[in-house]
Amino acid sequence: MNNNLSDDDFWNMLEVAEESVNTQTEKSVSSLKERIDQFSINESKSIEELKMMQARKRKMAAQAITAERKARNHRLFKLGEIVERVLKRNITNEDIGKFETFLTEQEQYDKWLSREMNKDCNYDK
């Protein structure tokens, strides 16, 4: 092997090597920048998807609350309907107070209503 390179050959080889390294570095940097840009795009999509999922969750929770409220209102209307049918007249605000007093006193006395209502249920007694 000949170790006798001329100065010009040495500098030419060094320049070619430098150009090769610079070209590879530029390609690597360019590739890395493209990958970073792609990650940013994917991150933006993920953030938007997360926001959409959170909005969907809030909407579903609101729908569940609305459904529960409607079911409760329906039960209360049915109770009122039953009381009016038993009394054979429309109830008044005064009747509501009397009914509450009656039920409260009855429960304090012997809990008949609770026993009857919970007889076939899995509620704690």
Foldseek 3Di string as FASTA:
>chain_A
DDPDDDPVRVVVVVVVVVVVVVVVVVVVVVVVVVVVVVVVVVVVVVVVVVVVVVVVVVVVVVVVVVVVVVVVVVVVVVVQVVVCVVVVHHDDPVNVVVVVVVVVVVCVPPNPVVCVVCVPPPDDD
